Amino acid sequence: MKKFDYLVVGSGLYGATFARKAAEKGKKVLVIDKRNHVAGNIYTEEIEGIEVHKYGAHIFHTNDKSVWDFLQQFTDFNRFTNSPVANYKGELYSLPFNMYTFNKMWGVVTPEEAEAKIEEQRAEAKAAMEKEGVTEPRNLEEQAILLIGRDIYEKLVKGYTEKQWGRPCTSLPAFIIKRLPVRLTFDNNYFNALYQGIPIGGYTAMVKNMLDHENIEVRTGTEYFENKIELDEEAKRVVYTGPIDSYFNYSLGTLQYRSVRFENEILDKPSFQGNAAVNYTDSETPWTRIIEHKWFEFGKGKDGKDLPKTVISREYSSEWKLGDEPYYPVNDEKNGALYAEYKKLADAEENVIFGGRLAEYKYYDMDAVVAAALDMANKELQ
């Protein structure tokens, strides 16, 4: 007899959501994670009274009320609104591109003036392409300039994007930037979602609450592939949320990712940059952005008092290699074709569900991960 109905490999949002729904349906679930903690990449750890996002900043936002209602069972969200700042060689610009940005860039003060300036630069770019006999953008650079104009591209897109991807914009495919948000208002709410915020007390506490059920057993520090035969014997079905190519021992080749390296620093001062996120958009600065974690919770500790110290994280984008943490899939044609072949192998695995960012080789916003897991749970458990 199998002890569990489901073995869930990975305790991130997808795994925790599926596990909770299955447990509520009376299923016995074993959740394992190779790390010594739950919550995957949304893990937060308290340092100097500050909930530090150990694997990069995560700001929850959604327009899906069913996802919001589901998570509200396990946490209360604060009212944090993401309003990042771009630092270009000491010049500060508001993101996403809005009237604050355009005023700083060109001195324009009305939406009509801003729109005219953008259209002027778009027209110049289109004329230059037509002169070369080009009708469609051939790369990310041409696509971005057609969308937003050369000035904003040069200062706020080019350097950041090239650091993020480790490649010149002229060699990146145009489809990476399908659109760039342009707001002819003074609204700097980056996501503009109906529901957004940060879990009070951190994401780790939220995930622990999700996994706190009599039908769920959690084992951290457990590597799936080192114990695969024994673990598979314990459950009727497997929900796998790790890298899909790793599951098949890279038999068809290795999918590419971008990785991120973090440099964390505790500073004996109440504020470093006065904002949760500052993107460094010039090419000379080696890091892509600096996160100051205390501002996700308005600089306050659990007692509501101002915190005397601050914690910052510099983020460096890097090429992924085996052993690194995979963050962003490289969604070009080559990797898309390789994933399609792995997907065929995955579909042939009768008792395994592949779900989440790594198993599906796609960039997922957090709410989309939860929605996908809820959808899969509903199909499985109906």
Protein backbone atom coordinates (compact mmCIF):
# COMPACT_ATOMS: atom_id res chain seq x y z
CA MET A 1 0.00 0.00 0.00
CA LYS A 2 1.21 3.49 -0.86
CA LYS A 3 1.43 5.76 2.18
CA PHE A 4 0.68 8.95 0.20
CA ASP A 5 -1.61 9.84 -2.66
CA TYR A 6 0.79 12.50 -3.92
CA LEU A 7 4.51 13.18 -3.68
CA VAL A 8 5.07 16.89 -4.35
CA VAL A 9 8.64 17.69 -5.36
CA GLY A 10 9.30 21.31 -4.45
CA SER A 11 7.64 23.50 -1.82
CA GLY A 12 7.34 26.70 -3.87
CA LEU A 13 4.03 28.28 -4.79
CA TYR A 14 2.96 25.62 -7.28
CA GLY A 15 3.80 22.70 -4.99
CA ALA A 16 2.33 24.31 -1.87
CA THR A 17 -0.89 25.28 -3.66
CA PHE A 18 -1.43 21.83 -5.14
CA ALA A 19 -0.56 20.14 -1.83
CA ARG A 20 -3.05 22.26 0.09
CA LYS A 21 -5.92 21.65 -2.32
CA ALA A 22 -5.22 17.91 -2.38
CA ALA A 23 -5.06 17.76 1.43
CA GLU A 24 -8.38 19.58 1.71
CA LYS A 25 -9.88 16.88 -0.51
CA GLY A 26 -8.73 14.24 1.94
CA LYS A 27 -5.61 13.17 0.03
CA LYS A 28 -2.40 12.30 1.87
CA VAL A 29 0.47 14.41 0.56
CA LEU A 30 4.24 14.27 1.05
CA VAL A 31 6.03 17.52 0.17
CA ILE A 32 9.81 17.44 -0.21
CA ASP A 33 12.36 20.14 -0.93
CA LYS A 34 16.10 19.89 -1.52
CA ARG A 35 16.65 23.11 0.41
CA ASN A 36 16.49 23.21 4.19
CA HIS A 37 13.41 25.42 4.07
CA VAL A 38 10.02 25.65 2.37
CA ALA A 39 8.74 28.36 -0.01
CA GLY A 40 11.20 27.91 -2.88
CA ASN A 41 12.39 31.17 -4.41
CA ILE A 42 9.82 33.27 -2.55
CA TYR A 43 11.52 32.33 0.75
CA THR A 44 11.97 35.25 3.14
CA GLU A 45 14.24 35.31 6.18
CA GLU A 46 14.18 37.78 9.05
CA ILE A 47 17.41 39.78 9.41
CA GLU A 48 17.61 42.78 11.76
CA GLY A 49 13.82 42.68 12.03
CA ILE A 50 13.47 42.88 8.24
CA GLU A 51 11.90 40.19 6.05
CA VAL A 52 14.65 39.71 3.45
CA HIS A 53 13.73 38.20 0.08
CA LYS A 54 16.64 35.75 -0.15
CA TYR A 55 16.17 34.77 -3.80
CA GLY A 56 15.17 38.11 -5.27
CA ALA A 57 12.31 40.50 -4.70
CA HIS A 58 8.80 39.12 -5.06
CA ILE A 59 5.83 41.49 -5.15
CA PHE A 60 2.47 39.80 -5.38
CA HIS A 61 -0.04 41.27 -7.80
CA THR A 62 -3.10 39.89 -9.55
CA ASN A 63 -6.43 40.71 -11.12
CA ASP A 64 -7.66 37.18 -10.40
CA LYS A 65 -9.96 37.34 -7.39
CA SER A 66 -10.02 33.54 -6.99
CA VAL A 67 -6.23 33.49 -6.58
CA TRP A 68 -6.32 36.43 -4.17
CA ASP A 69 -9.07 34.83 -2.09
CA PHE A 70 -7.19 31.54 -1.96
CA LEU A 71 -4.00 33.12 -0.61
CA GLN A 72 -5.87 35.38 1.80
CA GLN A 73 -6.70 32.25 3.80
CA PHE A 74 -3.03 31.95 4.76
CA THR A 75 -1.82 35.53 5.16
CA ASP A 76 -2.79 39.18 5.29
CA PHE A 77 -1.23 41.32 2.59
CA ASN A 78 0.02 44.83 3.25
CA ARG A 79 -0.69 47.69 0.83
CA PHE A 80 2.76 47.79 -0.81
CA THR A 81 2.67 49.22 -4.33
CA ASN A 82 5.64 48.64 -6.62
CA SER A 83 7.00 51.99 -7.84
CA PRO A 84 10.60 51.32 -8.91
CA VAL A 85 13.12 54.01 -9.77
CA ALA A 86 15.65 53.89 -12.62
CA ASN A 87 19.15 55.23 -11.97
CA TYR A 88 21.00 56.17 -15.17
CA LYS A 89 24.45 57.51 -14.27
CA GLY A 90 23.00 59.37 -11.29
CA GLU A 91 19.88 60.59 -13.09
CA LEU A 92 16.70 59.23 -11.47
CA TYR A 93 13.62 58.35 -13.51
CA SER A 94 10.20 57.01 -12.55
CA LEU A 95 9.09 53.57 -13.76
CA PRO A 96 7.03 52.45 -15.56
CA PHE A 97 7.38 55.13 -18.26
CA ASN A 98 4.94 57.87 -17.26
CA MET A 99 4.65 61.65 -17.15
CA TYR A 100 7.25 61.90 -14.38
CA THR A 101 9.65 60.02 -16.69
CA PHE A 102 8.86 62.16 -19.72
CA ASN A 103 9.13 65.41 -17.78
CA LYS A 104 12.58 64.42 -16.49
CA MET A 105 13.68 63.17 -19.92
CA TRP A 106 12.45 66.04 -22.13
CA GLY A 107 10.96 68.73 -19.90
CA VAL A 108 7.46 68.16 -21.28
CA VAL A 109 4.56 68.94 -18.97
CA THR A 110 1.42 67.77 -20.79
CA PRO A 111 0.38 64.37 -22.16
CA GLU A 112 0.08 65.91 -25.65
CA GLU A 113 3.70 67.09 -25.55
CA ALA A 114 4.92 63.71 -24.31
CA GLU A 115 2.97 61.81 -26.95
CA ALA A 116 4.26 64.09 -29.68
CA LYS A 117 7.87 63.56 -28.59
CA ILE A 118 7.46 59.78 -28.52
CA GLU A 119 5.73 59.74 -31.91
CA GLU A 120 8.48 61.92 -33.40
CA GLN A 121 11.15 59.42 -32.33
CA ARG A 122 9.07 56.43 -33.41
CA ALA A 123 8.66 57.99 -36.86
CA GLU A 124 12.40 58.59 -37.14
CA ALA A 125 13.09 54.95 -36.28
CA LYS A 126 10.51 53.69 -38.77
CA ALA A 127 11.91 55.90 -41.54
CA ALA A 128 15.45 54.66 -40.87
CA MET A 129 14.31 51.04 -41.10
CA GLU A 130 12.34 51.66 -44.31
CA LYS A 131 15.41 53.30 -45.83
CA GLU A 132 17.20 49.96 -45.29
CA GLY A 133 14.26 48.08 -46.79
CA VAL A 134 13.28 46.64 -43.39
CA THR A 135 9.56 46.30 -42.65
CA GLU A 136 9.63 44.35 -39.36
CA PRO A 137 12.00 44.83 -36.40
CA ARG A 138 14.87 42.36 -36.67
CA ASN A 139 15.97 42.48 -33.04
CA LEU A 140 15.08 43.79 -29.61
CA GLU A 141 16.77 47.14 -30.18
CA GLU A 142 14.70 47.96 -33.26
CA GLN A 143 11.54 46.71 -31.57
CA ALA A 144 12.11 48.83 -28.45
CA ILE A 145 12.90 52.02 -30.38
CA LEU A 146 9.76 51.55 -32.48
CA LEU A 147 7.75 51.26 -29.27
CA ILE A 148 9.23 54.02 -27.12
CA GLY A 149 11.76 56.06 -29.12
CA ARG A 150 15.54 56.27 -28.96
CA ASP A 151 16.01 58.50 -25.88
CA ILE A 152 14.14 56.25 -23.45
CA TYR A 153 15.60 53.14 -25.09
CA GLU A 154 19.18 54.38 -24.70
CA LYS A 155 18.83 55.49 -21.08
CA LEU A 156 16.28 53.16 -19.54
CA VAL A 157 16.12 49.96 -21.64
CA LYS A 158 19.39 49.16 -23.40
CA GLY A 159 21.92 48.84 -20.56
CA TYR A 160 19.55 47.08 -18.17
CA THR A 161 18.38 44.59 -20.80
CA GLU A 162 21.90 43.77 -21.95
CA LYS A 163 23.00 43.11 -18.36
CA GLN A 164 19.89 41.02 -17.75
CA TRP A 165 20.43 38.81 -20.78
CA GLY A 166 24.22 38.98 -21.13
CA ARG A 167 23.87 39.78 -24.84
CA PRO A 168 23.68 42.91 -27.00
CA CYS A 169 20.12 44.08 -27.71
CA THR A 170 20.92 43.79 -31.42
CA SER A 171 21.36 40.02 -31.00
CA LEU A 172 18.25 39.47 -28.87
CA PRO A 173 15.01 38.53 -30.65
CA ALA A 174 12.39 41.25 -31.08
CA PHE A 175 9.64 39.18 -29.45
CA ILE A 176 11.24 39.52 -26.00
CA ILE A 177 9.76 43.03 -25.84
CA LYS A 178 6.27 42.74 -27.28
CA ARG A 179 5.19 45.95 -25.60
CA LEU A 180 6.56 48.62 -23.29
CA PRO A 181 4.04 50.28 -20.97
CA VAL A 182 3.65 53.99 -21.75
CA ARG A 183 1.41 56.00 -19.45
CA LEU A 184 0.46 59.55 -20.28
CA THR A 185 -0.47 60.06 -16.62
CA PHE A 186 1.45 60.59 -13.38
CA ASP A 187 0.67 57.02 -12.27
CA ASN A 188 3.82 55.14 -11.22
CA ASN A 189 2.06 52.02 -9.92
CA TYR A 190 4.14 49.50 -11.86
CA PHE A 191 1.70 46.59 -11.95
CA ASN A 192 -1.58 48.49 -11.89
CA ALA A 193 -3.28 45.32 -10.64
CA LEU A 194 -6.50 45.23 -8.69
CA TYR A 195 -4.88 43.28 -5.82
CA GLN A 196 -1.26 43.67 -4.78
CA GLY A 197 0.97 43.67 -1.72
CA ILE A 198 3.46 41.70 0.36
CA PRO A 199 2.42 39.06 2.92
CA ILE A 200 2.69 40.56 6.40
CA GLY A 201 5.35 38.49 8.18
CA GLY A 202 6.87 37.32 4.89
CA TYR A 203 6.24 34.71 2.22
CA THR A 204 7.78 31.89 4.27
CA ALA A 205 5.10 32.26 6.93
CA MET A 206 2.41 32.21 4.24
CA VAL A 207 3.73 28.98 2.68
CA LYS A 208 4.12 27.35 6.10
CA ASN A 209 0.46 28.12 6.75
CA MET A 210 -0.46 26.59 3.36
CA LEU A 211 1.37 23.39 4.28
CA ASP A 212 0.00 23.26 7.83
CA HIS A 213 -2.60 20.52 7.37
CA GLU A 214 -3.06 17.14 8.99
CA ASN A 215 -2.87 15.43 5.59
CA ILE A 216 0.47 17.02 4.62
CA GLU A 217 3.94 15.83 5.66
CA VAL A 218 6.91 18.07 4.82
CA ARG A 219 10.52 16.93 4.49
CA THR A 220 13.13 19.58 3.75
CA GLY A 221 16.77 18.89 2.92
CA THR A 222 15.60 15.99 0.76
CA GLU A 223 17.04 15.63 -2.75
CA TYR A 224 14.50 13.89 -5.00
CA PHE A 225 16.84 12.23 -7.50
CA GLU A 226 19.15 10.85 -4.83
CA ASN A 227 16.16 9.06 -3.28
CA LYS A 228 13.87 8.74 -6.28
CA ILE A 229 13.16 5.00 -6.12
CA GLU A 230 12.28 5.06 -2.42
CA LEU A 231 10.27 8.27 -2.65
CA ASP A 232 8.28 7.15 -5.69
CA GLU A 233 7.40 3.97 -3.80
CA GLU A 234 5.71 6.05 -1.10
CA ALA A 235 3.16 7.77 -3.34
CA LYS A 236 0.65 6.93 -6.06
CA ARG A 237 1.41 10.04 -8.12
CA VAL A 238 4.18 12.63 -8.34
CA VAL A 239 3.82 16.39 -8.78
CA TYR A 240 7.20 17.54 -10.06
CA THR A 241 8.09 21.26 -10.01
CA GLY A 242 11.83 21.10 -10.73
CA PRO A 243 13.63 21.62 -14.06
CA ILE A 244 12.11 19.38 -16.73
CA ASP A 245 15.47 18.57 -18.34
CA SER A 246 16.86 17.52 -14.96
CA TYR A 247 13.99 15.04 -14.52
CA PHE A 248 15.11 13.28 -17.70
CA ASN A 249 18.79 13.52 -16.74
CA TYR A 250 19.45 16.03 -19.55
CA SER A 251 19.10 13.20 -22.06
CA LEU A 252 18.15 15.56 -24.91
CA GLY A 253 20.47 18.38 -23.89
CA THR A 254 20.42 21.23 -21.37
CA LEU A 255 17.86 24.01 -21.46
CA GLN A 256 19.32 27.47 -20.97
CA TYR A 257 18.49 29.87 -18.15
CA ARG A 258 19.66 33.17 -16.82
CA SER A 259 20.73 33.09 -13.19
CA VAL A 260 21.05 35.82 -10.57
CA ARG A 261 23.76 36.35 -7.96
CA PHE A 262 23.04 38.39 -4.84
CA GLU A 263 25.36 40.46 -2.67
CA ASN A 264 23.65 41.20 0.63
CA GLU A 265 24.76 43.90 3.02
CA ILE A 266 23.52 45.01 6.45
CA LEU A 267 23.97 48.76 6.86
CA ASP A 268 23.98 50.62 10.16
CA LYS A 269 21.72 53.38 8.88
CA PRO A 270 17.93 53.77 8.63
CA SER A 271 17.84 54.16 4.84
CA PHE A 272 20.12 53.52 1.86
CA GLN A 273 18.05 54.52 -1.18
CA GLY A 274 14.59 55.35 0.14
CA ASN A 275 12.83 52.89 -2.17
CA ALA A 276 12.38 49.13 -2.34
CA ALA A 277 13.79 48.79 -5.88
CA VAL A 278 16.20 50.91 -7.89
CA ASN A 279 17.16 49.65 -11.36
CA TYR A 280 20.61 50.63 -12.65
CA THR A 281 20.06 51.10 -16.36
CA ASP A 282 23.52 52.17 -17.51
CA SER A 283 25.89 49.52 -18.85
CA GLU A 284 28.83 50.56 -16.66
CA THR A 285 27.23 49.64 -13.32
CA PRO A 286 27.73 45.86 -12.94
CA TRP A 287 24.56 45.13 -10.98
CA THR A 288 21.07 45.30 -12.48
CA ARG A 289 19.29 46.63 -9.42
CA ILE A 290 19.49 47.17 -5.68
CA ILE A 291 16.69 45.99 -3.41
CA GLU A 292 16.24 47.63 0.00
CA HIS A 293 14.04 45.09 1.73
CA LYS A 294 12.68 47.15 4.63
CA TRP A 295 10.64 49.34 2.26
CA PHE A 296 8.48 46.35 1.30
CA GLU A 297 7.05 46.84 4.79
CA PHE A 298 7.37 50.62 4.94
CA GLY A 299 10.49 50.53 7.12
CA LYS A 300 8.57 49.19 10.11
CA GLY A 301 9.26 46.20 12.33
CA LYS A 302 6.65 43.81 13.69
CA ASP A 303 6.01 46.23 16.56
CA GLY A 304 5.22 49.01 14.10
CA LYS A 305 8.32 51.01 15.04
CA ASP A 306 10.92 52.36 12.62
CA LEU A 307 13.91 50.04 12.15
CA PRO A 308 17.37 51.52 12.82
CA LYS A 309 19.23 49.38 10.28
CA THR A 310 18.65 48.37 6.67
CA VAL A 311 19.47 45.41 4.43
CA ILE A 312 20.27 45.80 0.73
CA SER A 313 20.81 43.23 -2.02
CA ARG A 314 22.73 43.97 -5.20
CA GLU A 315 21.58 41.72 -8.04
CA TYR A 316 23.93 40.53 -10.77
CA SER A 317 22.54 38.71 -13.78
CA SER A 318 24.69 35.82 -15.00
CA GLU A 319 24.77 32.98 -17.50
CA TRP A 320 23.43 29.83 -15.89
CA LYS A 321 25.49 26.66 -15.61
CA LEU A 322 24.75 23.32 -13.97
CA GLY A 323 24.82 23.77 -10.21
CA ASP A 324 23.53 27.36 -10.35
CA GLU A 325 19.99 28.31 -9.45
CA PRO A 326 17.92 28.67 -12.65
CA TYR A 327 15.80 31.83 -12.68
CA TYR A 328 14.67 32.93 -16.14
CA PRO A 329 14.21 30.59 -19.10
CA VAL A 330 15.87 31.75 -22.32
CA ASN A 331 12.79 31.65 -24.51
CA ASP A 332 14.39 31.65 -27.95
CA GLU A 333 13.60 29.28 -30.83
CA LYS A 334 16.37 26.81 -29.98
CA ASN A 335 15.30 26.38 -26.36
CA GLY A 336 11.64 26.37 -27.31
CA ALA A 337 12.24 23.48 -29.68
CA LEU A 338 14.22 21.56 -27.05
CA TYR A 339 11.52 22.10 -24.44
CA ALA A 340 8.91 20.79 -26.89
CA GLU A 341 10.86 17.54 -27.11
CA TYR A 342 11.09 17.27 -23.32
CA LYS A 343 7.35 18.01 -23.12
CA LYS A 344 6.69 14.92 -25.25
CA LEU A 345 8.66 12.83 -22.75
CA ALA A 346 6.80 14.45 -19.86
CA ASP A 347 3.40 13.73 -21.42
CA ALA A 348 4.38 10.06 -21.63
CA GLU A 349 5.01 9.85 -17.86
CA GLU A 350 1.72 8.36 -16.69
CA ASN A 351 1.93 9.10 -12.97
CA VAL A 352 3.80 12.41 -13.02
CA ILE A 353 2.37 15.93 -13.20
CA PHE A 354 4.86 18.57 -14.38
CA GLY A 355 3.98 22.05 -13.15
CA GLY A 356 5.45 25.45 -12.42
CA ARG A 357 8.15 27.74 -13.76
CA LEU A 358 10.93 25.15 -14.12
CA ALA A 359 8.89 22.10 -15.09
CA GLU A 360 7.04 24.07 -17.78
CA TYR A 361 10.08 26.16 -18.80
CA LYS A 362 8.23 29.45 -18.82
CA TYR A 363 8.34 32.75 -17.00
CA TYR A 364 5.43 32.80 -14.58
CA ASP A 365 4.15 35.68 -12.46
CA MET A 366 3.28 34.41 -8.99
CA ASP A 367 -0.45 34.68 -9.45
CA ALA A 368 -0.25 32.67 -12.68
CA VAL A 369 1.65 29.92 -10.81
CA VAL A 370 -1.10 29.73 -8.19
CA ALA A 371 -3.82 29.80 -10.86
CA ALA A 372 -2.14 26.98 -12.80
CA ALA A 373 -1.77 24.86 -9.65
CA LEU A 374 -5.40 25.46 -8.68
CA ASP A 375 -6.51 24.51 -12.16
CA MET A 376 -4.44 21.32 -12.14
CA ALA A 377 -5.71 20.41 -8.65
CA ASN A 378 -9.30 20.88 -9.78
CA LYS A 379 -8.75 18.59 -12.78
CA GLU A 380 -7.01 15.96 -10.66
CA LEU A 381 -9.36 16.01 -7.72
CA GLN A 382 -12.79 16.46 -9.30
